C-alpha atoms as a PDB file:
ATOM      1  CA  UNK A   1      16.561   1.700  26.233  1.00  0.00           C
ATOM      2  CA  UNK A   2      13.885  -0.925  25.601  1.00  0.00           C
ATOM      3  CA  UNK A   3      12.993  -3.521  28.232  1.00  0.00           C
ATOM      4  CA  UNK A   4      12.462  -6.111  25.508  1.00  0.00           C
ATOM      5  CA  UNK A   5      15.289  -8.682  25.267  1.00  0.00           C
ATOM      6  CA  UNK A   6      15.407  -8.499  21.477  1.00  0.00           C
ATOM      7  CA  UNK A   7      15.994  -4.710  21.376  1.00  0.00           C
ATOM      8  CA  UNK A   8      19.361  -3.704  22.813  1.00  0.00           C
ATOM      9  CA  UNK A   9      22.454  -1.499  22.566  1.00  0.00           C
ATOM     10  CA  UNK A  10      25.562  -3.333  21.437  1.00  0.00           C
ATOM     11  CA  UNK A  11      29.304  -2.650  21.719  1.00  0.00           C
ATOM     12  CA  UNK A  12      32.224  -3.944  19.674  1.00  0.00           C
ATOM     13  CA  UNK A  13      33.084  -6.384  22.459  1.00  0.00           C
ATOM     14  CA  UNK A  14      29.605  -7.951  22.303  1.00  0.00           C
ATOM     15  CA  UNK A  15      29.034  -7.734  18.564  1.00  0.00           C
ATOM     16  CA  UNK A  16      30.264 -11.234  17.698  1.00  0.00           C
ATOM     17  CA  UNK A  17      28.003 -13.001  20.180  1.00  0.00           C
ATOM     18  CA  UNK A  18      24.949 -10.724  20.245  1.00  0.00           C
ATOM     19  CA  UNK A  19      24.779 -10.029  16.507  1.00  0.00           C
ATOM     20  CA  UNK A  20      26.859 -12.396  14.360  1.00  0.00           C
ATOM     21  CA  UNK A  21      26.313 -15.589  16.369  1.00  0.00           C
ATOM     22  CA  UNK A  22      22.726 -14.680  17.299  1.00  0.00           C
ATOM     23  CA  UNK A  23      21.830 -14.134  13.639  1.00  0.00           C
ATOM     24  CA  UNK A  24      22.088 -17.887  12.998  1.00  0.00           C
ATOM     25  CA  UNK A  25      18.967 -18.233  15.175  1.00  0.00           C
ATOM     26  CA  UNK A  26      17.143 -14.939  14.516  1.00  0.00           C
ATOM     27  CA  UNK A  27      17.763 -12.165  11.954  1.00  0.00           C
ATOM     28  CA  UNK A  28      19.372  -9.107  13.548  1.00  0.00           C
ATOM     29  CA  UNK A  29      18.765  -5.545  12.370  1.00  0.00           C
ATOM     30  CA  UNK A  30      21.738  -3.318  13.217  1.00  0.00           C
ATOM     31  CA  UNK A  31      21.044   0.414  13.531  1.00  0.00           C
ATOM     32  CA  UNK A  32      24.164   2.599  13.254  1.00  0.00           C
ATOM     33  CA  UNK A  33      23.242   5.963  14.786  1.00  0.00           C
ATOM     34  CA  UNK A  34      24.576   9.019  16.661  1.00  0.00           C
ATOM     35  CA  UNK A  35      23.114  11.511  19.139  1.00  0.00           C
ATOM     36  CA  UNK A  36      23.725  14.482  16.821  1.00  0.00           C
ATOM     37  CA  UNK A  37      21.917  12.812  13.871  1.00  0.00           C
ATOM     38  CA  UNK A  38      18.349  14.136  13.511  1.00  0.00           C
ATOM     39  CA  UNK A  39      17.130  11.437  11.083  1.00  0.00           C
ATOM     40  CA  UNK A  40      18.508   8.812  13.500  1.00  0.00           C
ATOM     41  CA  UNK A  41      16.187  10.097  16.219  1.00  0.00           C
ATOM     42  CA  UNK A  42      13.252   9.819  13.813  1.00  0.00           C
ATOM     43  CA  UNK A  43      14.148   6.313  12.681  1.00  0.00           C
ATOM     44  CA  UNK A  44      15.095   4.675  15.985  1.00  0.00           C
ATOM     45  CA  UNK A  45      11.618   4.527  17.623  1.00  0.00           C
ATOM     46  CA  UNK A  46      10.126   3.305  14.340  1.00  0.00           C
ATOM     47  CA  UNK A  47      12.677   0.475  14.156  1.00  0.00           C
ATOM     48  CA  UNK A  48      11.870  -0.454  17.749  1.00  0.00           C
ATOM     49  CA  UNK A  49       8.145  -0.538  16.987  1.00  0.00           C
ATOM     50  CA  UNK A  50       8.657  -2.639  13.856  1.00  0.00           C
ATOM     51  CA  UNK A  51      10.972  -5.051  15.695  1.00  0.00           C
ATOM     52  CA  UNK A  52       8.434  -5.409  18.497  1.00  0.00           C
ATOM     53  CA  UNK A  53       5.745  -6.268  15.929  1.00  0.00           C
ATOM     54  CA  UNK A  54       7.802  -9.328  14.881  1.00  0.00           C
ATOM     55  CA  UNK A  55       7.285 -10.761  18.381  1.00  0.00           C
ATOM     56  CA  UNK A  56      10.834 -12.020  18.896  1.00  0.00           C
ATOM     57  CA  UNK A  57      11.396 -13.210  15.309  1.00  0.00           C
ATOM     58  CA  UNK A  58      13.659 -10.208  14.690  1.00  0.00           C
ATOM     59  CA  UNK A  59      16.250  -8.536  16.926  1.00  0.00           C
ATOM     60  CA  UNK A  60      17.386  -4.906  16.869  1.00  0.00           C
ATOM     61  CA  UNK A  61      20.970  -4.068  17.837  1.00  0.00           C
ATOM     62  CA  UNK A  62      21.732  -0.348  18.189  1.00  0.00           C
ATOM     63  CA  UNK A  63      25.281   0.896  17.643  1.00  0.00           C
ATOM     64  CA  UNK A  64      26.186   4.395  18.877  1.00  0.00           C
ATOM     65  CA  UNK A  65      28.844   5.353  16.330  1.00  0.00           C
ATOM     66  CA  UNK A  66      30.185   8.183  18.515  1.00  0.00           C
ATOM     67  CA  UNK A  67      31.243   5.507  21.009  1.00  0.00           C
ATOM     68  CA  UNK A  68      31.819   2.626  18.584  1.00  0.00           C
ATOM     69  CA  UNK A  69      33.576   4.439  15.731  1.00  0.00           C
ATOM     70  CA  UNK A  70      35.886   1.494  15.068  1.00  0.00           C
ATOM     71  CA  UNK A  71      32.936  -0.883  14.673  1.00  0.00           C
ATOM     72  CA  UNK A  72      31.256   1.530  12.253  1.00  0.00           C
ATOM     73  CA  UNK A  73      34.511   1.807  10.313  1.00  0.00           C
ATOM     74  CA  UNK A  74      34.833  -1.977  10.114  1.00  0.00           C
ATOM     75  CA  UNK A  75      31.499  -2.137   8.265  1.00  0.00           C
ATOM     76  CA  UNK A  76      32.297   0.867   6.070  1.00  0.00           C
ATOM     77  CA  UNK A  77      29.554   3.069   7.497  1.00  0.00           C
ATOM     78  CA  UNK A  78      29.783   6.438   5.709  1.00  0.00           C
ATOM     79  CA  UNK A  79      26.342   7.928   6.358  1.00  0.00           C
ATOM     80  CA  UNK A  80      23.922   7.964   9.282  1.00  0.00           C
ATOM     81  CA  UNK A  81      21.586   6.406   9.906  1.00  0.00           C
ATOM     82  CA  UNK A  82      22.634   3.179   8.204  1.00  0.00           C
ATOM     83  CA  UNK A  83      20.637   0.046   8.969  1.00  0.00           C
ATOM     84  CA  UNK A  84      22.114  -3.372   8.205  1.00  0.00           C
ATOM     85  CA  UNK A  85      20.357  -6.742   8.281  1.00  0.00           C
ATOM     86  CA  UNK A  86      22.458  -9.701   9.455  1.00  0.00           C
ATOM     87  CA  UNK A  87      21.298 -13.265   8.765  1.00  0.00           C
ATOM     88  CA  UNK A  88      23.279 -16.485   9.277  1.00  0.00           C
ATOM     89  CA  UNK A  89      26.382 -14.629  10.386  1.00  0.00           C
ATOM     90  CA  UNK A  90      26.670 -12.136   7.533  1.00  0.00           C
ATOM     91  CA  UNK A  91      25.166  -8.825   6.373  1.00  0.00           C
ATOM     92  CA  UNK A  92      22.612  -9.532   3.636  1.00  0.00           C
ATOM     93  CA  UNK A  93      21.195  -6.065   2.956  1.00  0.00           C
ATOM     94  CA  UNK A  94      21.197  -2.480   4.188  1.00  0.00           C
ATOM     95  CA  UNK A  95      19.627   0.924   3.700  1.00  0.00           C
ATOM     96  CA  UNK A  96      20.599   4.492   4.549  1.00  0.00           C
ATOM     97  CA  UNK A  97      18.446   7.362   5.758  1.00  0.00           C
ATOM     98  CA  UNK A  98      15.153   7.612   7.644  1.00  0.00           C
ATOM     99  CA  UNK A  99      12.870   5.692   5.291  1.00  0.00           C
ATOM    100  CA  UNK A 100       9.076   5.716   5.787  1.00  0.00           C
ATOM    101  CA  UNK A 101       7.714   2.792   7.793  1.00  0.00           C
ATOM    102  CA  UNK A 102       6.167   1.155   4.728  1.00  0.00           C
ATOM    103  CA  UNK A 103       9.564   1.039   2.996  1.00  0.00           C
ATOM    104  CA  UNK A 104      11.333  -0.328   6.081  1.00  0.00           C
ATOM    105  CA  UNK A 105       8.771  -3.131   6.309  1.00  0.00           C
ATOM    106  CA  UNK A 106       9.164  -3.823   2.593  1.00  0.00           C
ATOM    107  CA  UNK A 107      12.951  -4.000   3.094  1.00  0.00           C
ATOM    108  CA  UNK A 108      12.522  -6.585   5.873  1.00  0.00           C
ATOM    109  CA  UNK A 109       9.896  -8.657   4.108  1.00  0.00           C
ATOM    110  CA  UNK A 110      12.319  -9.367   1.267  1.00  0.00           C
ATOM    111  CA  UNK A 111      14.209 -11.505   3.791  1.00  0.00           C
ATOM    112  CA  UNK A 112      11.845 -12.391   6.657  1.00  0.00           C
ATOM    113  CA  UNK A 113       8.315 -13.773   6.584  1.00  0.00           C
ATOM    114  CA  UNK A 114       6.631 -11.999   9.494  1.00  0.00           C
ATOM    115  CA  UNK A 115       3.492 -13.172  11.279  1.00  0.00           C
ATOM    116  CA  UNK A 116       1.624 -10.390   9.510  1.00  0.00           C
ATOM    117  CA  UNK A 117       2.937 -11.470   6.111  1.00  0.00           C
ATOM    118  CA  UNK A 118       1.799 -15.027   6.847  1.00  0.00           C
ATOM    119  CA  UNK A 119      -1.682 -13.769   7.788  1.00  0.00           C
ATOM    120  CA  UNK A 120      -1.833 -11.688   4.597  1.00  0.00           C
ATOM    121  CA  UNK A 121      -0.891 -14.733   2.518  1.00  0.00           C
ATOM    122  CA  UNK A 122      -3.567 -16.837   4.241  1.00  0.00           C
ATOM    123  CA  UNK A 123      -6.140 -14.084   3.695  1.00  0.00           C
ATOM    124  CA  UNK A 124      -5.315 -13.951  -0.013  1.00  0.00           C
ATOM    125  CA  UNK A 125      -5.741 -17.728  -0.291  1.00  0.00           C
ATOM    126  CA  UNK A 126      -9.098 -17.570   1.501  1.00  0.00           C
ATOM    127  CA  UNK A 127     -10.306 -14.710  -0.706  1.00  0.00           C
ATOM    128  CA  UNK A 128      -9.256 -16.575  -3.858  1.00  0.00           C
ATOM    129  CA  UNK A 129     -11.262 -19.570  -2.612  1.00  0.00           C
ATOM    130  CA  UNK A 130     -14.322 -17.366  -2.093  1.00  0.00           C
ATOM    131  CA  UNK A 131     -14.101 -17.345   1.715  1.00  0.00           C
ATOM    132  CA  UNK A 132     -14.323 -13.560   1.953  1.00  0.00           C
ATOM    133  CA  UNK A 133     -15.398 -13.266   5.603  1.00  0.00           C
ATOM    134  CA  UNK A 134     -12.577 -15.584   6.707  1.00  0.00           C
ATOM    135  CA  UNK A 135     -10.123 -13.456   4.709  1.00  0.00           C
ATOM    136  CA  UNK A 136     -11.391 -10.289   6.392  1.00  0.00           C
ATOM    137  CA  UNK A 137     -11.004 -11.891   9.848  1.00  0.00           C
ATOM    138  CA  UNK A 138      -7.384 -12.827   9.079  1.00  0.00           C
ATOM    139  CA  UNK A 139      -6.594  -9.303   7.920  1.00  0.00           C
ATOM    140  CA  UNK A 140      -8.200  -7.843  11.035  1.00  0.00           C
ATOM    141  CA  UNK A 141      -5.875 -10.063  13.088  1.00  0.00           C
ATOM    142  CA  UNK A 142      -2.926  -8.721  11.096  1.00  0.00           C
ATOM    143  CA  UNK A 143      -4.156  -5.152  11.596  1.00  0.00           C
ATOM    144  CA  UNK A 144      -4.366  -5.718  15.367  1.00  0.00           C
ATOM    145  CA  UNK A 145      -0.697  -6.776  15.370  1.00  0.00           C
ATOM    146  CA  UNK A 146       0.483  -3.928  13.122  1.00  0.00           C
ATOM    147  CA  UNK A 147      -2.137  -1.131  13.047  1.00  0.00           C
ATOM    148  CA  UNK A 148       0.081   1.059  10.847  1.00  0.00           C
ATOM    149  CA  UNK A 149       0.934  -1.595   8.268  1.00  0.00           C
ATOM    150  CA  UNK A 150      -0.385   0.026   5.093  1.00  0.00           C
ATOM    151  CA  UNK A 151      -0.258  -3.172   3.030  1.00  0.00           C
ATOM    152  CA  UNK A 152      -2.630  -4.879   5.474  1.00  0.00           C
ATOM    153  CA  UNK A 153      -5.047  -1.958   5.169  1.00  0.00           C
ATOM    154  CA  UNK A 154      -4.825  -2.024   1.370  1.00  0.00           C
ATOM    155  CA  UNK A 155      -5.587  -5.767   1.332  1.00  0.00           C
ATOM    156  CA  UNK A 156      -8.475  -5.172   3.740  1.00  0.00           C
ATOM    157  CA  UNK A 157      -9.956  -2.418   1.567  1.00  0.00           C
ATOM    158  CA  UNK A 158      -9.706  -4.578  -1.552  1.00  0.00           C
ATOM    159  CA  UNK A 159     -11.401  -7.574   0.061  1.00  0.00           C
ATOM    160  CA  UNK A 160     -14.087  -5.539   1.859  1.00  0.00           C
ATOM    161  CA  UNK A 161     -14.937  -4.014  -1.519  1.00  0.00           C
ATOM    162  CA  UNK A 162     -15.683  -7.538  -2.775  1.00  0.00           C
ATOM    163  CA  UNK A 163     -18.482  -7.776  -0.189  1.00  0.00           C
ATOM    164  CA  UNK A 164     -20.131  -4.746  -1.810  1.00  0.00           C
ATOM    165  CA  UNK A 165     -19.267  -2.397   1.061  1.00  0.00           C
ATOM    166  CA  UNK A 166     -17.434   0.009  -1.222  1.00  0.00           C
ATOM    167  CA  UNK A 167     -17.939   2.978   1.103  1.00  0.00           C
ATOM    168  CA  UNK A 168     -16.034   1.320   3.952  1.00  0.00           C
ATOM    169  CA  UNK A 169     -13.322   0.215   1.525  1.00  0.00           C
ATOM    170  CA  UNK A 170     -12.954   3.793   0.284  1.00  0.00           C
ATOM    171  CA  UNK A 171     -12.772   5.109   3.864  1.00  0.00           C
ATOM    172  CA  UNK A 172      -9.797   2.813   4.501  1.00  0.00           C
ATOM    173  CA  UNK A 173      -8.054   3.978   1.314  1.00  0.00           C
ATOM    174  CA  UNK A 174      -8.724   7.654   2.035  1.00  0.00           C
ATOM    175  CA  UNK A 175      -7.136   7.320   5.502  1.00  0.00           C
ATOM    176  CA  UNK A 176      -3.802   5.998   4.164  1.00  0.00           C
ATOM    177  CA  UNK A 177      -0.717   8.227   4.573  1.00  0.00           C
ATOM    178  CA  UNK A 178       0.208  10.304   1.531  1.00  0.00           C
ATOM    179  CA  UNK A 179       3.357   8.310   0.678  1.00  0.00           C
ATOM    180  CA  UNK A 180       1.188   5.181   0.401  1.00  0.00           C
ATOM    181  CA  UNK A 181      -1.865   6.815  -1.209  1.00  0.00           C
ATOM    182  CA  UNK A 182       0.238   7.985  -4.167  1.00  0.00           C
ATOM    183  CA  UNK A 183       1.509   4.494  -4.983  1.00  0.00           C
ATOM    184  CA  UNK A 184       0.393   3.257  -8.412  1.00  0.00           C
ATOM    185  CA  UNK A 185      -1.254   0.100  -7.039  1.00  0.00           C
ATOM    186  CA  UNK A 186      -3.209   2.111  -4.459  1.00  0.00           C
ATOM    187  CA  UNK A 187      -4.410   4.656  -7.020  1.00  0.00           C
ATOM    188  CA  UNK A 188      -5.556   1.803  -9.280  1.00  0.00           C
ATOM    189  CA  UNK A 189      -7.407   0.141  -6.385  1.00  0.00           C
ATOM    190  CA  UNK A 190      -9.064   3.435  -5.483  1.00  0.00           C
ATOM    191  CA  UNK A 191     -10.210   3.843  -9.097  1.00  0.00           C
ATOM    192  CA  UNK A 192     -11.662   0.305  -9.150  1.00  0.00           C
ATOM    193  CA  UNK A 193     -13.526   0.842  -5.868  1.00  0.00           C
ATOM    194  CA  UNK A 194     -14.832   4.205  -7.052  1.00  0.00           C
ATOM    195  CA  UNK A 195     -16.163   2.624 -10.242  1.00  0.00           C
ATOM    196  CA  UNK A 196     -17.682  -0.276  -8.303  1.00  0.00           C
ATOM    197  CA  UNK A 197     -19.502   2.219  -6.056  1.00  0.00           C
ATOM    198  CA  UNK A 198     -21.394   3.507  -9.080  1.00  0.00           C
ATOM    199  CA  UNK A 199     -21.865   0.191 -10.900  1.00  0.00           C
ATOM    200  CA  UNK A 200     -24.388  -1.033  -8.335  1.00  0.00           C
ATOM    201  CA  UNK A 201     -26.729  -4.012  -8.650  1.00  0.00           C
ATOM    202  CA  UNK A 202     -29.563  -2.147 -10.359  1.00  0.00           C
ATOM    203  CA  UNK A 203     -30.868  -2.455 -13.921  1.00  0.00           C
ATOM    204  CA  UNK A 204     -29.157  -4.695 -16.462  1.00  0.00           C
ATOM    205  CA  UNK A 205     -26.785  -3.304 -19.086  1.00  0.00           C
ATOM    206  CA  UNK A 206     -29.530  -3.780 -21.698  1.00  0.00           C
ATOM    207  CA  UNK A 207     -32.039  -1.849 -19.576  1.00  0.00           C
ATOM    208  CA  UNK A 208     -29.552   0.967 -19.030  1.00  0.00           C
ATOM    209  CA  UNK A 209     -28.892   1.204 -22.776  1.00  0.00           C
ATOM    210  CA  UNK A 210     -32.643   1.292 -23.398  1.00  0.00           C
ATOM    211  CA  UNK A 211     -33.034   4.133 -20.890  1.00  0.00           C
ATOM    212  CA  UNK A 212     -30.313   6.135 -22.633  1.00  0.00           C
ATOM    213  CA  UNK A 213     -31.885   5.489 -26.039  1.00  0.00           C
ATOM    214  CA  UNK A 214     -35.199   6.780 -24.687  1.00  0.00           C
ATOM    215  CA  UNK A 215     -33.619   9.788 -22.973  1.00  0.00           C
ATOM    216  CA  UNK A 216     -30.223  10.945 -24.174  1.00  0.00           C
ATOM    217  CA  UNK A 217     -29.833  13.048 -21.011  1.00  0.00           C
ATOM    218  CA  UNK A 218     -30.451  10.247 -18.491  1.00  0.00           C
ATOM    219  CA  UNK A 219     -27.100  10.843 -16.813  1.00  0.00           C
ATOM    220  CA  UNK A 220     -27.763   8.431 -13.952  1.00  0.00           C
ATOM    221  CA  UNK A 221     -28.166   5.638 -16.489  1.00  0.00           C
ATOM    222  CA  UNK A 222     -25.032   6.760 -18.333  1.00  0.00           C
ATOM    223  CA  UNK A 223     -22.987   6.802 -15.118  1.00  0.00           C
ATOM    224  CA  UNK A 224     -24.211   3.365 -14.092  1.00  0.00           C
ATOM    225  CA  UNK A 225     -23.595   1.960 -17.577  1.00  0.00           C
ATOM    226  CA  UNK A 226     -20.100   3.472 -17.684  1.00  0.00           C
ATOM    227  CA  UNK A 227     -19.213   1.909 -14.333  1.00  0.00           C
ATOM    228  CA  UNK A 228     -20.701  -1.457 -15.342  1.00  0.00           C
ATOM    229  CA  UNK A 229     -18.706  -1.414 -18.571  1.00  0.00           C
ATOM    230  CA  UNK A 230     -15.540  -0.597 -16.634  1.00  0.00           C
ATOM    231  CA  UNK A 231     -16.119  -3.511 -14.247  1.00  0.00           C
ATOM    232  CA  UNK A 232     -16.487  -5.789 -17.308  1.00  0.00           C
ATOM    233  CA  UNK A 233     -13.262  -4.256 -18.709  1.00  0.00           C
ATOM    234  CA  UNK A 234     -15.156  -2.802 -21.673  1.00  0.00           C
ATOM    235  CA  UNK A 235     -13.198   0.418 -21.258  1.00  0.00           C
ATOM    236  CA  UNK A 236     -14.155   1.968 -24.594  1.00  0.00           C
ATOM    237  CA  UNK A 237     -17.833   1.821 -23.611  1.00  0.00           C
ATOM    238  CA  UNK A 238     -17.026   3.235 -20.168  1.00  0.00           C
ATOM    239  CA  UNK A 239     -14.972   6.106 -21.579  1.00  0.00           C
ATOM    240  CA  UNK A 240     -17.651   6.995 -24.133  1.00  0.00           C
ATOM    241  CA  UNK A 241     -20.350   7.187 -21.450  1.00  0.00           C
ATOM    242  CA  UNK A 242     -18.270   9.199 -18.982  1.00  0.00           C
ATOM    243  CA  UNK A 243     -17.314  11.587 -21.786  1.00  0.00           C
ATOM    244  CA  UNK A 244     -20.989  11.974 -22.752  1.00  0.00           C
ATOM    245  CA  UNK A 245     -21.799  12.907 -19.140  1.00  0.00           C
ATOM    246  CA  UNK A 246     -18.994  15.446 -19.115  1.00  0.00           C
ATOM    247  CA  UNK A 247     -20.265  16.942 -22.393  1.00  0.00           C
ATOM    248  CA  UNK A 248     -23.789  17.349 -21.060  1.00  0.00           C
ATOM    249  CA  UNK A 249     -23.374  18.492 -17.459  1.00  0.00           C
ATOM    250  CA  UNK A 250     -20.154  19.308 -15.598  1.00  0.00           C
ATOM    251  CA  UNK A 251     -22.194  19.837 -12.421  1.00  0.00           C
ATOM    252  CA  UNK A 252     -23.682  16.335 -12.427  1.00  0.00           C
ATOM    253  CA  UNK A 253     -22.580  14.651  -9.176  1.00  0.00           C
ATOM    254  CA  UNK A 254     -19.596  16.968  -8.788  1.00  0.00           C
ATOM    255  CA  UNK A 255     -18.265  16.469 -12.335  1.00  0.00           C
ATOM    256  CA  UNK A 256     -18.778  12.689 -12.291  1.00  0.00           C
ATOM    257  CA  UNK A 257     -18.012  12.416 -16.010  1.00  0.00           C
ATOM    258  CA  UNK A 258     -14.535  13.890 -15.691  1.00  0.00           C
ATOM    259  CA  UNK A 259     -13.785  11.952 -12.509  1.00  0.00           C
ATOM    260  CA  UNK A 260     -14.881   8.731 -14.197  1.00  0.00           C
ATOM    261  CA  UNK A 261     -12.579   9.391 -17.135  1.00  0.00           C
ATOM    262  CA  UNK A 262      -9.680   9.960 -14.740  1.00  0.00           C
ATOM    263  CA  UNK A 263     -10.457   6.681 -12.949  1.00  0.00           C
ATOM    264  CA  UNK A 264     -10.280   4.784 -16.244  1.00  0.00           C
ATOM    265  CA  UNK A 265      -7.047   6.552 -17.222  1.00  0.00           C
ATOM    266  CA  UNK A 266      -5.606   5.449 -13.862  1.00  0.00           C
ATOM    267  CA  UNK A 267      -6.547   1.828 -14.510  1.00  0.00           C
ATOM    268  CA  UNK A 268      -5.259   1.753 -18.087  1.00  0.00           C
ATOM    269  CA  UNK A 269      -2.082   3.748 -17.514  1.00  0.00           C
ATOM    270  CA  UNK A 270      -0.891   6.850 -19.325  1.00  0.00           C
ATOM    271  CA  UNK A 271       0.656   4.914 -22.243  1.00  0.00           C
ATOM    272  CA  UNK A 272      -2.495   2.989 -23.206  1.00  0.00           C
ATOM    273  CA  UNK A 273      -3.924   3.914 -26.619  1.00  0.00           C
ATOM    274  CA  UNK A 274      -7.411   4.532 -25.195  1.00  0.00           C
ATOM    275  CA  UNK A 275      -6.005   6.836 -22.522  1.00  0.00           C
ATOM    276  CA  UNK A 276      -4.228   8.918 -25.150  1.00  0.00           C
ATOM    277  CA  UNK A 277      -7.316   9.151 -27.401  1.00  0.00           C
ATOM    278  CA  UNK A 278      -9.801  10.056 -24.688  1.00  0.00           C
ATOM    279  CA  UNK A 279      -7.420  12.330 -22.793  1.00  0.00           C
ATOM    280  CA  UNK A 280      -7.104  14.405 -25.987  1.00  0.00           C
ATOM    281  CA  UNK A 281     -10.907  14.508 -26.297  1.00  0.00           C
ATOM    282  CA  UNK A 282     -11.247  15.554 -22.662  1.00  0.00           C
ATOM    283  CA  UNK A 283      -8.594  18.241 -23.117  1.00  0.00           C
ATOM    284  CA  UNK A 284     -10.452  19.551 -26.182  1.00  0.00           C
ATOM    285  CA  UNK A 285     -13.684  19.738 -24.200  1.00  0.00           C
ATOM    286  CA  UNK A 286     -12.009  21.554 -21.310  1.00  0.00           C
ATOM    287  CA  UNK A 287     -10.280  24.076 -23.553  1.00  0.00           C
END
């Protein structure tokens, strides 16, 4: 049992005062669990950690359904674990099963603005105003409060990339758990950072085109031009250059042409006309 006053076991006799009445002051998360339930044992410490990260702005009430079967029945609990959020005296939402931490936080943030959410919002405002270092400081504060909050890390990677430190941004993305790394928004961000890594601040677009005209096999120039075009959202130019690299040398920078094409496909989405055209061309080249 936790020593924190906002994490506690609750019985039917206490439920009205400790959950229903208390929820008018602070949202209460109610965890219906049982000793024999394996997923419950996985979820319970995560819920405690998440509740603690709210610093008293959220309470966690734990109901042992083996002891409090009548209370579970009153709320129609059919599956364990079931987690119910009570606000202003009434249940407002619930979920079943041992969800990943990122999904539990997303569930809560639909209803509660946490300190971390507030810091993320402030960081976004600062970044939009061009105050990048201030935005990074705010996100580092948020990360100190919730080190495992993937959305904070994603925001941090995106904003650090704007400073030109694409390698550090990519390190943050690469360290994300698999359930987060496979999200569409994360894959798109990774593609943008990867392209930015190769765009660089070197020769102008005109100079790069001149280099390619002088030497059709200047693959460094082609890669840089492709990445520059992608950053300017000239995706047809980017795709053409990455494809040309792939045609000429699959060994160049560990198949940079193919990887560049895949980055652009990720940004455009599988249904985009350019994705369909160039994916067919890539398939033809591979086979």
